[in-house]
């Protein structure tokens, strides 16, 4: 009986040990970059980017009506030293703190994602072009040991999709609806 229990224990612990080792060996970081071209000058885009109170206009996870999510603001109203924190729902917990804000170049921020300590940083930057403004959203940081290595690919994939969607919403918020967008219905129609 002891031999059987020993074999069962080894059989159960070996895959677990392999997962722990794999999690330690794989990179435990996320790094995402997405961009969009917006037909507007940087100064027209910047108010939506530097003011966390306006992120609900283009960041899906900050939109009003996001179930089970609480968003709080502190620090400056907008720009340098503005802070937003969120908790709950599918978005988990986190905090962003704007370190630099410039209407011609964008913002730089630090983040604490699923942590009380700063574990990431990012930027939303503007590059003026002949066609408008290239808006580039970069974000990266460290995930917890072991688990981070196992899930970094999923975190990157999720953030890439989210950033692409949010930047498309930013473009629409700045430029307005395109001719291909359906016209809003009028009440009573």
N, C-alpha and C. Protein backbone atom coordinates (compact mmCIF):
# COMPACT_ATOMS: atom_id res chain seq x y z
N UNK A 1 0.81 -1.19 0.00
CA UNK A 1 0.00 0.00 0.00
C UNK A 1 0.87 1.26 0.00
N UNK A 2 1.98 1.24 0.77
CA UNK A 2 2.87 2.40 0.80
C UNK A 2 3.47 2.66 -0.57
N UNK A 3 3.81 1.59 -1.29
CA UNK A 3 4.39 1.76 -2.63
C UNK A 3 3.38 2.42 -3.56
N UNK A 4 2.12 2.01 -3.46
CA UNK A 4 1.09 2.59 -4.33
C UNK A 4 0.90 4.07 -4.02
N UNK A 5 0.82 4.40 -2.72
CA UNK A 5 0.67 5.81 -2.34
C UNK A 5 1.88 6.62 -2.77
N UNK A 6 3.07 6.06 -2.67
CA UNK A 6 4.29 6.74 -3.11
C UNK A 6 4.27 6.99 -4.60
N UNK A 7 3.83 6.00 -5.38
CA UNK A 7 3.74 6.17 -6.84
C UNK A 7 2.69 7.22 -7.21
N UNK A 8 1.56 7.21 -6.51
CA UNK A 8 0.51 8.20 -6.77
C UNK A 8 1.03 9.60 -6.44
N UNK A 9 1.72 9.74 -5.31
CA UNK A 9 2.26 11.04 -4.92
C UNK A 9 3.27 11.54 -5.94
N UNK A 10 4.16 10.67 -6.39
CA UNK A 10 5.16 11.05 -7.39
C UNK A 10 4.47 11.40 -8.70
N UNK A 11 3.45 10.60 -9.06
CA UNK A 11 2.70 10.87 -10.29
C UNK A 11 1.98 12.20 -10.27
N UNK A 12 1.53 12.63 -9.11
CA UNK A 12 0.82 13.92 -8.98
C UNK A 12 1.79 15.10 -8.86
N UNK A 13 2.87 14.90 -8.14
CA UNK A 13 3.81 15.99 -7.87
C UNK A 13 4.72 16.30 -9.06
N UNK A 14 5.02 15.31 -9.88
CA UNK A 14 5.93 15.52 -11.01
C UNK A 14 5.37 16.55 -11.99
N UNK A 15 4.11 16.44 -12.44
CA UNK A 15 3.60 17.49 -13.34
C UNK A 15 3.54 18.86 -12.68
N UNK A 16 3.20 18.89 -11.39
CA UNK A 16 3.16 20.16 -10.67
C UNK A 16 4.55 20.79 -10.61
N UNK A 17 5.56 19.99 -10.30
CA UNK A 17 6.94 20.50 -10.27
C UNK A 17 7.36 20.98 -11.65
N UNK A 18 6.96 20.25 -12.69
CA UNK A 18 7.30 20.67 -14.07
C UNK A 18 6.66 22.02 -14.40
N UNK A 19 5.41 22.23 -13.97
CA UNK A 19 4.75 23.52 -14.21
C UNK A 19 5.45 24.66 -13.47
N UNK A 20 5.86 24.42 -12.24
CA UNK A 20 6.57 25.45 -11.47
C UNK A 20 7.89 25.80 -12.15
N UNK A 21 8.62 24.80 -12.57
CA UNK A 21 9.91 25.04 -13.25
C UNK A 21 9.67 25.79 -14.55
N UNK A 22 8.67 25.37 -15.32
CA UNK A 22 8.35 26.04 -16.57
C UNK A 22 7.98 27.51 -16.32
N UNK A 23 7.16 27.75 -15.29
CA UNK A 23 6.78 29.12 -14.94
C UNK A 23 7.95 29.98 -14.54
N UNK A 24 8.95 29.38 -13.90
CA UNK A 24 10.15 30.13 -13.50
C UNK A 24 11.06 30.43 -14.69
N UNK A 25 11.07 29.53 -15.68
CA UNK A 25 11.97 29.67 -16.83
C UNK A 25 11.41 30.63 -17.88
N UNK A 26 10.09 30.59 -18.10
CA UNK A 26 9.48 31.46 -19.11
C UNK A 26 9.50 32.91 -18.66
N UNK A 27 9.57 33.86 -19.62
CA UNK A 27 9.58 35.27 -19.25
C UNK A 27 8.28 35.66 -18.57
N UNK A 28 8.38 36.29 -17.42
CA UNK A 28 7.22 36.72 -16.65
C UNK A 28 6.93 38.18 -16.84
N UNK A 29 6.86 38.62 -18.09
CA UNK A 29 6.64 40.04 -18.39
C UNK A 29 5.59 40.18 -19.47
N UNK A 30 4.95 41.34 -19.52
CA UNK A 30 4.08 41.65 -20.65
C UNK A 30 4.64 42.87 -21.36
N UNK A 31 4.42 42.92 -22.65
CA UNK A 31 4.87 44.05 -23.46
C UNK A 31 3.95 44.15 -24.67
N UNK A 32 3.25 45.26 -24.77
CA UNK A 32 2.25 45.43 -25.82
C UNK A 32 2.45 46.80 -26.46
N UNK A 33 2.26 46.84 -27.79
CA UNK A 33 2.29 48.11 -28.51
C UNK A 33 1.27 48.04 -29.64
N UNK A 34 0.39 49.02 -29.69
CA UNK A 34 -0.61 49.13 -30.75
C UNK A 34 -0.69 50.59 -31.16
N UNK A 35 -1.10 50.83 -32.42
CA UNK A 35 -1.20 52.22 -32.88
C UNK A 35 -2.40 52.38 -33.82
N UNK A 36 -2.77 53.64 -34.01
CA UNK A 36 -3.85 53.99 -34.93
C UNK A 36 -3.54 55.37 -35.50
N UNK A 37 -3.94 55.59 -36.75
CA UNK A 37 -3.80 56.90 -37.38
C UNK A 37 -5.12 57.64 -37.23
N UNK A 38 -5.07 58.83 -36.63
CA UNK A 38 -6.27 59.63 -36.42
C UNK A 38 -6.15 60.92 -37.22
N UNK A 39 -7.20 61.25 -37.95
CA UNK A 39 -7.22 62.44 -38.79
C UNK A 39 -7.54 63.67 -37.93
N UNK A 40 -6.56 64.06 -37.12
CA UNK A 40 -6.70 65.23 -36.23
C UNK A 40 -5.31 65.56 -35.69
N UNK A 41 -5.10 66.79 -35.26
CA UNK A 41 -3.82 67.14 -34.65
C UNK A 41 -3.73 66.57 -33.23
N UNK A 42 -2.51 66.40 -32.70
CA UNK A 42 -2.34 65.87 -31.34
C UNK A 42 -3.14 66.65 -30.30
N UNK A 43 -3.21 67.95 -30.45
CA UNK A 43 -3.91 68.78 -29.46
C UNK A 43 -5.41 68.45 -29.37
N UNK A 44 -5.98 67.89 -30.42
CA UNK A 44 -7.40 67.51 -30.40
C UNK A 44 -7.59 66.14 -29.72
N UNK A 45 -6.56 65.34 -29.69
CA UNK A 45 -6.61 63.99 -29.12
C UNK A 45 -6.25 64.02 -27.63
N UNK A 46 -5.31 64.86 -27.30
CA UNK A 46 -4.74 64.90 -25.95
C UNK A 46 -5.76 65.03 -24.82
N UNK A 47 -6.81 65.87 -24.93
CA UNK A 47 -7.76 65.99 -23.82
C UNK A 47 -8.44 64.66 -23.44
N UNK A 48 -8.64 63.78 -24.40
CA UNK A 48 -9.25 62.49 -24.10
C UNK A 48 -8.26 61.52 -23.47
N UNK A 49 -6.97 61.73 -23.73
CA UNK A 49 -5.93 60.82 -23.24
C UNK A 49 -5.45 61.24 -21.85
N UNK A 50 -5.28 62.52 -21.59
CA UNK A 50 -4.71 62.97 -20.32
C UNK A 50 -5.73 63.08 -19.19
N UNK A 51 -7.00 62.91 -19.50
CA UNK A 51 -8.05 63.07 -18.50
C UNK A 51 -8.74 61.73 -18.28
N UNK A 52 -8.41 61.06 -17.17
CA UNK A 52 -8.99 59.74 -16.90
C UNK A 52 -10.51 59.79 -16.80
N UNK A 53 -11.06 60.94 -16.44
CA UNK A 53 -12.52 61.08 -16.37
C UNK A 53 -13.14 60.91 -17.76
N UNK A 54 -12.36 61.12 -18.81
CA UNK A 54 -12.87 61.01 -20.19
C UNK A 54 -12.51 59.66 -20.83
N UNK A 55 -11.78 58.82 -20.13
CA UNK A 55 -11.41 57.53 -20.72
C UNK A 55 -12.64 56.67 -21.01
N UNK A 56 -13.73 56.88 -20.31
CA UNK A 56 -14.95 56.13 -20.58
C UNK A 56 -15.48 56.38 -21.99
N UNK A 57 -15.06 57.47 -22.63
CA UNK A 57 -15.47 57.77 -24.00
C UNK A 57 -14.77 56.87 -25.01
N UNK A 58 -13.65 56.26 -24.60
CA UNK A 58 -12.92 55.44 -25.58
C UNK A 58 -12.29 54.17 -25.02
N UNK A 59 -12.15 54.03 -23.73
CA UNK A 59 -11.58 52.81 -23.13
C UNK A 59 -12.75 51.97 -22.61
N UNK A 60 -12.97 50.83 -23.23
CA UNK A 60 -14.14 50.01 -22.92
C UNK A 60 -14.23 49.68 -21.43
N UNK A 61 -13.11 49.33 -20.80
CA UNK A 61 -13.16 48.92 -19.39
C UNK A 61 -13.47 50.09 -18.45
N UNK A 62 -13.45 51.33 -18.96
CA UNK A 62 -13.76 52.50 -18.14
C UNK A 62 -15.12 53.09 -18.49
N UNK A 63 -15.81 52.47 -19.45
CA UNK A 63 -17.10 53.00 -19.89
C UNK A 63 -18.14 52.86 -18.79
N UNK A 64 -19.05 53.82 -18.74
CA UNK A 64 -20.14 53.74 -17.77
C UNK A 64 -20.94 52.48 -18.03
N UNK A 65 -21.40 51.89 -16.97
CA UNK A 65 -22.19 50.68 -17.13
C UNK A 65 -21.38 49.41 -17.16
N UNK A 66 -20.05 49.52 -16.98
CA UNK A 66 -19.25 48.31 -16.92
C UNK A 66 -19.62 47.60 -15.62
N UNK A 67 -20.21 46.40 -15.73
CA UNK A 67 -20.73 45.74 -14.53
C UNK A 67 -19.65 45.37 -13.53
N UNK A 68 -19.99 45.51 -12.26
CA UNK A 68 -19.14 45.06 -11.16
C UNK A 68 -17.77 45.71 -11.11
N UNK A 69 -17.60 46.87 -11.72
CA UNK A 69 -16.31 47.55 -11.69
C UNK A 69 -16.47 48.91 -11.01
N UNK A 70 -15.60 49.19 -10.05
CA UNK A 70 -15.59 50.48 -9.37
C UNK A 70 -14.36 51.24 -9.83
N UNK A 71 -14.56 52.47 -10.30
CA UNK A 71 -13.45 53.31 -10.75
C UNK A 71 -13.38 54.52 -9.83
N UNK A 72 -12.16 54.82 -9.32
CA UNK A 72 -11.96 55.99 -8.46
C UNK A 72 -10.85 56.85 -9.03
N UNK A 73 -10.97 58.16 -8.82
CA UNK A 73 -10.01 59.13 -9.32
C UNK A 73 -9.40 59.86 -8.13
N UNK A 74 -8.11 60.19 -8.25
CA UNK A 74 -7.44 60.97 -7.22
C UNK A 74 -6.34 61.78 -7.87
N UNK A 75 -5.66 62.57 -7.06
CA UNK A 75 -4.58 63.39 -7.59
C UNK A 75 -5.14 64.54 -8.42
N UNK A 76 -4.39 64.94 -9.43
CA UNK A 76 -4.79 66.05 -10.30
C UNK A 76 -6.04 65.66 -11.10
N UNK A 77 -6.81 66.65 -11.49
CA UNK A 77 -8.01 66.42 -12.30
C UNK A 77 -7.64 65.79 -13.65
N UNK A 78 -6.51 66.22 -14.22
CA UNK A 78 -6.04 65.70 -15.50
C UNK A 78 -4.55 65.98 -15.62
N UNK A 79 -3.90 65.32 -16.55
CA UNK A 79 -2.49 65.55 -16.80
C UNK A 79 -1.60 64.98 -15.71
N UNK A 80 -0.43 65.59 -15.54
CA UNK A 80 0.56 65.10 -14.57
C UNK A 80 -0.07 64.94 -13.18
N UNK A 81 0.22 63.80 -12.58
CA UNK A 81 -0.24 63.42 -11.23
C UNK A 81 -1.73 63.05 -11.14
N UNK A 82 -2.41 62.91 -12.28
CA UNK A 82 -3.76 62.35 -12.25
C UNK A 82 -3.63 60.84 -12.02
N UNK A 83 -4.56 60.29 -11.24
CA UNK A 83 -4.53 58.87 -10.89
C UNK A 83 -5.92 58.28 -11.07
N UNK A 84 -5.98 57.09 -11.65
CA UNK A 84 -7.23 56.34 -11.74
C UNK A 84 -6.96 54.94 -11.19
N UNK A 85 -7.92 54.43 -10.44
CA UNK A 85 -7.83 53.07 -9.91
C UNK A 85 -9.14 52.35 -10.21
N UNK A 86 -9.07 51.04 -10.42
CA UNK A 86 -10.27 50.26 -10.70
C UNK A 86 -10.21 48.95 -9.95
N UNK A 87 -11.38 48.39 -9.73
CA UNK A 87 -11.46 47.13 -9.01
C UNK A 87 -12.74 46.41 -9.39
N UNK A 88 -12.60 45.10 -9.62
CA UNK A 88 -13.77 44.25 -9.81
C UNK A 88 -14.01 43.85 -11.25
N UNK A 89 -15.03 43.00 -11.40
CA UNK A 89 -15.42 42.54 -12.73
C UNK A 89 -14.29 41.81 -13.43
N UNK A 90 -14.36 41.81 -14.74
CA UNK A 90 -13.37 41.10 -15.55
C UNK A 90 -12.04 41.84 -15.61
N UNK A 91 -12.00 43.10 -15.19
CA UNK A 91 -10.78 43.90 -15.32
C UNK A 91 -9.83 43.76 -14.14
N UNK A 92 -10.24 43.10 -13.07
CA UNK A 92 -9.37 42.91 -11.91
C UNK A 92 -9.15 44.22 -11.17
N UNK A 93 -7.93 44.40 -10.66
CA UNK A 93 -7.60 45.63 -9.94
C UNK A 93 -6.37 46.27 -10.57
N UNK A 94 -6.30 47.58 -10.44
CA UNK A 94 -5.14 48.27 -10.97
C UNK A 94 -5.20 49.76 -10.70
N UNK A 95 -4.10 50.42 -11.05
CA UNK A 95 -3.99 51.87 -10.85
C UNK A 95 -3.02 52.41 -11.88
N UNK A 96 -3.36 53.55 -12.49
CA UNK A 96 -2.47 54.27 -13.40
C UNK A 96 -2.21 55.66 -12.82
N UNK A 97 -0.98 56.12 -12.95
CA UNK A 97 -0.57 57.43 -12.45
C UNK A 97 0.21 58.12 -13.57
N UNK A 98 -0.31 59.25 -14.06
CA UNK A 98 0.36 59.98 -15.14
C UNK A 98 1.58 60.70 -14.57
N UNK A 99 2.73 60.42 -15.17
CA UNK A 99 3.99 61.04 -14.75
C UNK A 99 4.33 62.27 -15.59
N UNK A 100 3.96 62.23 -16.89
CA UNK A 100 4.24 63.35 -17.79
C UNK A 100 3.07 63.50 -18.75
N UNK A 101 2.77 64.73 -19.10
CA UNK A 101 1.68 65.01 -20.02
C UNK A 101 2.05 66.22 -20.87
N UNK A 102 1.96 66.04 -22.20
CA UNK A 102 2.32 67.10 -23.14
C UNK A 102 1.35 67.04 -24.32
N UNK A 103 0.61 68.13 -24.59
CA UNK A 103 -0.37 68.10 -25.68
C UNK A 103 0.21 67.73 -27.04
N UNK A 104 1.48 68.00 -27.28
CA UNK A 104 2.08 67.67 -28.58
C UNK A 104 2.65 66.26 -28.63
N UNK A 105 2.93 65.67 -27.46
CA UNK A 105 3.62 64.36 -27.46
C UNK A 105 2.88 63.23 -26.74
N UNK A 106 1.89 63.53 -25.89
CA UNK A 106 1.12 62.49 -25.21
C UNK A 106 1.42 62.39 -23.73
N UNK A 107 1.22 61.17 -23.18
CA UNK A 107 1.42 60.96 -21.75
C UNK A 107 2.35 59.77 -21.50
N UNK A 108 2.96 59.78 -20.32
CA UNK A 108 3.71 58.64 -19.80
C UNK A 108 3.13 58.34 -18.43
N UNK A 109 3.00 57.03 -18.11
CA UNK A 109 2.40 56.66 -16.84
C UNK A 109 3.11 55.46 -16.24
N UNK A 110 2.87 55.27 -14.94
CA UNK A 110 3.29 54.05 -14.26
C UNK A 110 2.03 53.33 -13.82
N UNK A 111 2.14 52.01 -13.66
CA UNK A 111 0.96 51.24 -13.30
C UNK A 111 1.26 50.24 -12.19
N UNK A 112 0.20 49.93 -11.48
CA UNK A 112 0.24 48.86 -10.48
C UNK A 112 -0.94 47.96 -10.83
N UNK A 113 -0.67 46.86 -11.51
CA UNK A 113 -1.72 45.96 -11.99
C UNK A 113 -1.73 44.72 -11.11
N UNK A 114 -2.90 44.44 -10.53
CA UNK A 114 -3.07 43.31 -9.62
C UNK A 114 -2.03 43.34 -8.50
N UNK A 115 -1.64 44.55 -8.08
CA UNK A 115 -0.61 44.73 -7.07
C UNK A 115 -0.77 46.12 -6.44
N UNK A 116 -0.28 46.27 -5.23
CA UNK A 116 -0.23 47.59 -4.61
C UNK A 116 1.05 48.33 -5.00
N UNK A 117 2.01 47.59 -5.55
CA UNK A 117 3.29 48.17 -5.93
C UNK A 117 3.35 48.40 -7.43
N UNK A 118 4.10 49.42 -7.84
CA UNK A 118 4.27 49.71 -9.26
C UNK A 118 4.98 48.52 -9.90
N UNK A 119 4.37 47.96 -10.95
CA UNK A 119 4.98 46.83 -11.64
C UNK A 119 4.96 47.01 -13.15
N UNK A 120 4.60 48.20 -13.61
CA UNK A 120 4.58 48.43 -15.05
C UNK A 120 4.64 49.90 -15.39
N UNK A 121 4.77 50.16 -16.68
CA UNK A 121 4.78 51.54 -17.17
C UNK A 121 4.31 51.53 -18.61
N UNK A 122 3.95 52.72 -19.08
CA UNK A 122 3.49 52.81 -20.45
C UNK A 122 3.42 54.24 -20.93
N UNK A 123 2.97 54.37 -22.16
CA UNK A 123 2.82 55.70 -22.75
C UNK A 123 1.77 55.65 -23.85
N UNK A 124 1.17 56.78 -24.06
CA UNK A 124 0.32 57.00 -25.23
C UNK A 124 0.93 58.21 -25.90
N UNK A 125 1.60 57.98 -27.02
CA UNK A 125 2.36 59.06 -27.65
C UNK A 125 1.77 59.43 -29.00
N UNK A 126 2.07 60.66 -29.42
CA UNK A 126 1.55 61.22 -30.66
C UNK A 126 2.72 61.53 -31.59
N UNK A 127 2.55 61.16 -32.86
CA UNK A 127 3.51 61.54 -33.91
C UNK A 127 2.71 62.19 -35.03
N UNK A 128 3.00 63.46 -35.27
CA UNK A 128 2.32 64.21 -36.33
C UNK A 128 2.76 63.67 -37.69
N UNK A 129 1.80 63.43 -38.58
CA UNK A 129 2.10 62.99 -39.94
C UNK A 129 1.31 63.86 -40.91
N UNK A 130 1.55 63.68 -42.22
CA UNK A 130 0.79 64.42 -43.23
C UNK A 130 -0.69 64.02 -43.23
N UNK A 131 -0.97 62.80 -42.77
CA UNK A 131 -2.36 62.31 -42.76
C UNK A 131 -3.07 62.55 -41.43
N UNK A 132 -2.39 63.07 -40.43
CA UNK A 132 -3.00 63.30 -39.13
C UNK A 132 -2.01 63.02 -38.02
N UNK A 133 -2.42 62.21 -37.04
CA UNK A 133 -1.56 61.88 -35.90
C UNK A 133 -1.54 60.37 -35.70
N UNK A 134 -0.33 59.83 -35.65
CA UNK A 134 -0.16 58.42 -35.30
C UNK A 134 -0.17 58.36 -33.77
N UNK A 135 -1.12 57.62 -33.21
CA UNK A 135 -1.23 57.46 -31.76
C UNK A 135 -0.70 56.07 -31.42
N UNK A 136 0.32 56.02 -30.57
CA UNK A 136 0.98 54.75 -30.23
C UNK A 136 0.81 54.50 -28.74
N UNK A 137 0.19 53.36 -28.39
CA UNK A 137 -0.01 52.97 -27.00
C UNK A 137 0.93 51.83 -26.69
N UNK A 138 1.87 52.07 -25.77
CA UNK A 138 2.83 51.05 -25.32
C UNK A 138 2.59 50.79 -23.84
N UNK A 139 2.71 49.53 -23.45
CA UNK A 139 2.52 49.17 -22.05
C UNK A 139 3.33 47.92 -21.78
N UNK A 140 3.92 47.85 -20.60
CA UNK A 140 4.69 46.66 -20.24
C UNK A 140 4.98 46.62 -18.76
N UNK A 141 5.38 45.44 -18.31
CA UNK A 141 5.71 45.30 -16.91
C UNK A 141 5.98 43.86 -16.53
N UNK A 142 6.12 43.64 -15.23
CA UNK A 142 6.45 42.32 -14.69
C UNK A 142 5.22 41.68 -14.07
N UNK A 143 5.07 40.39 -14.34
CA UNK A 143 4.01 39.60 -13.74
C UNK A 143 4.57 38.85 -12.54
N UNK A 144 3.71 38.32 -11.67
CA UNK A 144 4.21 37.59 -10.50
C UNK A 144 5.04 36.37 -10.92
N UNK A 145 6.02 35.98 -10.10
CA UNK A 145 6.83 34.81 -10.41
C UNK A 145 5.98 33.56 -10.60
N UNK A 146 6.45 32.63 -11.36
CA UNK A 146 5.84 31.35 -11.69
C UNK A 146 4.57 31.57 -12.52
N UNK A 147 3.54 32.15 -11.94
CA UNK A 147 2.28 32.36 -12.64
C UNK A 147 2.50 33.26 -13.86
N UNK A 148 3.33 34.29 -13.70
CA UNK A 148 3.61 35.21 -14.79
C UNK A 148 4.19 34.53 -16.01
N UNK A 149 5.13 33.64 -15.79
CA UNK A 149 5.72 32.92 -16.91
C UNK A 149 4.72 32.05 -17.63
N UNK A 150 3.81 31.46 -16.88
CA UNK A 150 2.81 30.57 -17.47
C UNK A 150 1.72 31.34 -18.22
N UNK A 151 1.43 32.58 -17.79
CA UNK A 151 0.31 33.30 -18.37
C UNK A 151 0.68 34.55 -19.15
N UNK A 152 1.97 34.84 -19.35
CA UNK A 152 2.35 36.08 -20.04
C UNK A 152 1.81 36.13 -21.46
N UNK A 153 1.77 35.00 -22.14
CA UNK A 153 1.25 34.99 -23.52
C UNK A 153 -0.21 35.42 -23.52
N UNK A 154 -1.01 34.91 -22.57
CA UNK A 154 -2.42 35.26 -22.50
C UNK A 154 -2.62 36.73 -22.15
N UNK A 155 -1.78 37.25 -21.27
CA UNK A 155 -1.86 38.67 -20.91
C UNK A 155 -1.56 39.53 -22.13
N UNK A 156 -0.47 39.21 -22.85
CA UNK A 156 -0.12 39.96 -24.06
C UNK A 156 -1.25 39.91 -25.08
N UNK A 157 -1.77 38.72 -25.35
CA UNK A 157 -2.83 38.58 -26.35
C UNK A 157 -4.07 39.37 -25.95
N UNK A 158 -4.45 39.31 -24.68
CA UNK A 158 -5.62 40.05 -24.23
C UNK A 158 -5.43 41.56 -24.33
N UNK A 159 -4.25 42.03 -23.92
CA UNK A 159 -3.99 43.48 -23.99
C UNK A 159 -3.89 43.96 -25.43
N UNK A 160 -3.30 43.17 -26.32
CA UNK A 160 -3.22 43.58 -27.73
C UNK A 160 -4.62 43.79 -28.30
N UNK A 161 -5.52 42.87 -28.01
CA UNK A 161 -6.89 42.98 -28.50
C UNK A 161 -7.58 44.19 -27.88
N UNK A 162 -7.41 44.37 -26.57
CA UNK A 162 -8.04 45.49 -25.87
C UNK A 162 -7.52 46.82 -26.39
N UNK A 163 -6.19 46.97 -26.53
CA UNK A 163 -5.62 48.24 -26.99
C UNK A 163 -6.07 48.56 -28.41
N UNK A 164 -6.10 47.56 -29.30
CA UNK A 164 -6.55 47.79 -30.67
C UNK A 164 -7.99 48.28 -30.69
N UNK A 165 -8.85 47.66 -29.89
CA UNK A 165 -10.26 48.05 -29.81
C UNK A 165 -10.40 49.46 -29.22
N UNK A 166 -9.67 49.72 -28.13
CA UNK A 166 -9.76 51.04 -27.48
C UNK A 166 -9.24 52.14 -28.39
N UNK A 167 -8.17 51.89 -29.13
CA UNK A 167 -7.64 52.91 -30.05
C UNK A 167 -8.62 53.16 -31.19
N UNK A 168 -9.32 52.14 -31.65
CA UNK A 168 -10.35 52.33 -32.68
C UNK A 168 -11.48 53.20 -32.12
N UNK A 169 -11.82 52.99 -30.85
CA UNK A 169 -12.84 53.82 -30.20
C UNK A 169 -12.34 55.27 -30.03
N UNK A 170 -11.03 55.44 -29.73
CA UNK A 170 -10.46 56.78 -29.62
C UNK A 170 -10.56 57.49 -30.97
N UNK A 171 -10.21 56.79 -32.03
CA UNK A 171 -10.30 57.36 -33.39
C UNK A 171 -11.73 57.83 -33.67
N UNK A 172 -12.69 57.01 -33.35
CA UNK A 172 -14.10 57.35 -33.59
C UNK A 172 -14.53 58.53 -32.70
N UNK A 173 -14.05 58.55 -31.46
CA UNK A 173 -14.41 59.64 -30.55
C UNK A 173 -13.86 60.98 -31.04
N UNK A 174 -12.66 60.96 -31.65
CA UNK A 174 -12.04 62.20 -32.13
C UNK A 174 -12.60 62.59 -33.50
N UNK A 175 -12.67 61.62 -34.43
CA UNK A 175 -13.07 61.93 -35.80
C UNK A 175 -14.59 61.97 -35.99
N UNK A 176 -15.34 61.32 -35.13
CA UNK A 176 -16.78 61.20 -35.31
C UNK A 176 -17.08 59.99 -36.19
N UNK A 177 -18.38 59.70 -36.39
CA UNK A 177 -18.75 58.54 -37.20
C UNK A 177 -18.31 58.70 -38.65
N UNK A 178 -17.97 57.59 -39.26
CA UNK A 178 -17.60 57.59 -40.68
C UNK A 178 -18.85 57.34 -41.52
N UNK A 179 -18.82 57.64 -42.81
CA UNK A 179 -19.99 57.40 -43.66
C UNK A 179 -20.46 55.94 -43.63
N UNK A 180 -19.57 55.01 -43.35
CA UNK A 180 -19.93 53.59 -43.32
C UNK A 180 -20.69 53.23 -42.04
N UNK A 181 -20.59 54.08 -41.00
CA UNK A 181 -21.30 53.82 -39.74
C UNK A 181 -22.79 54.06 -39.95
N UNK A 182 -23.62 53.21 -39.37
CA UNK A 182 -25.07 53.46 -39.51
C UNK A 182 -25.46 54.73 -38.76
N UNK A 183 -26.44 55.43 -39.31
CA UNK A 183 -26.92 56.64 -38.65
C UNK A 183 -27.65 56.26 -37.38
N UNK A 184 -27.48 57.06 -36.32
CA UNK A 184 -28.18 56.74 -35.07
C UNK A 184 -29.69 56.82 -35.29
N UNK A 185 -30.41 55.92 -34.68
CA UNK A 185 -31.86 55.93 -34.81
C UNK A 185 -32.44 57.07 -34.00
N UNK A 186 -33.49 57.67 -34.53
CA UNK A 186 -34.19 58.73 -33.81
C UNK A 186 -35.29 58.10 -32.99
N UNK A 187 -35.55 58.65 -31.81
CA UNK A 187 -36.63 58.09 -30.98
C UNK A 187 -37.95 58.06 -31.75
N UNK A 188 -38.69 56.98 -31.60
CA UNK A 188 -39.99 56.85 -32.25
C UNK A 188 -39.93 56.26 -33.63
N UNK A 189 -38.75 55.95 -34.18
CA UNK A 189 -38.65 55.36 -35.51
C UNK A 189 -38.65 53.86 -35.44
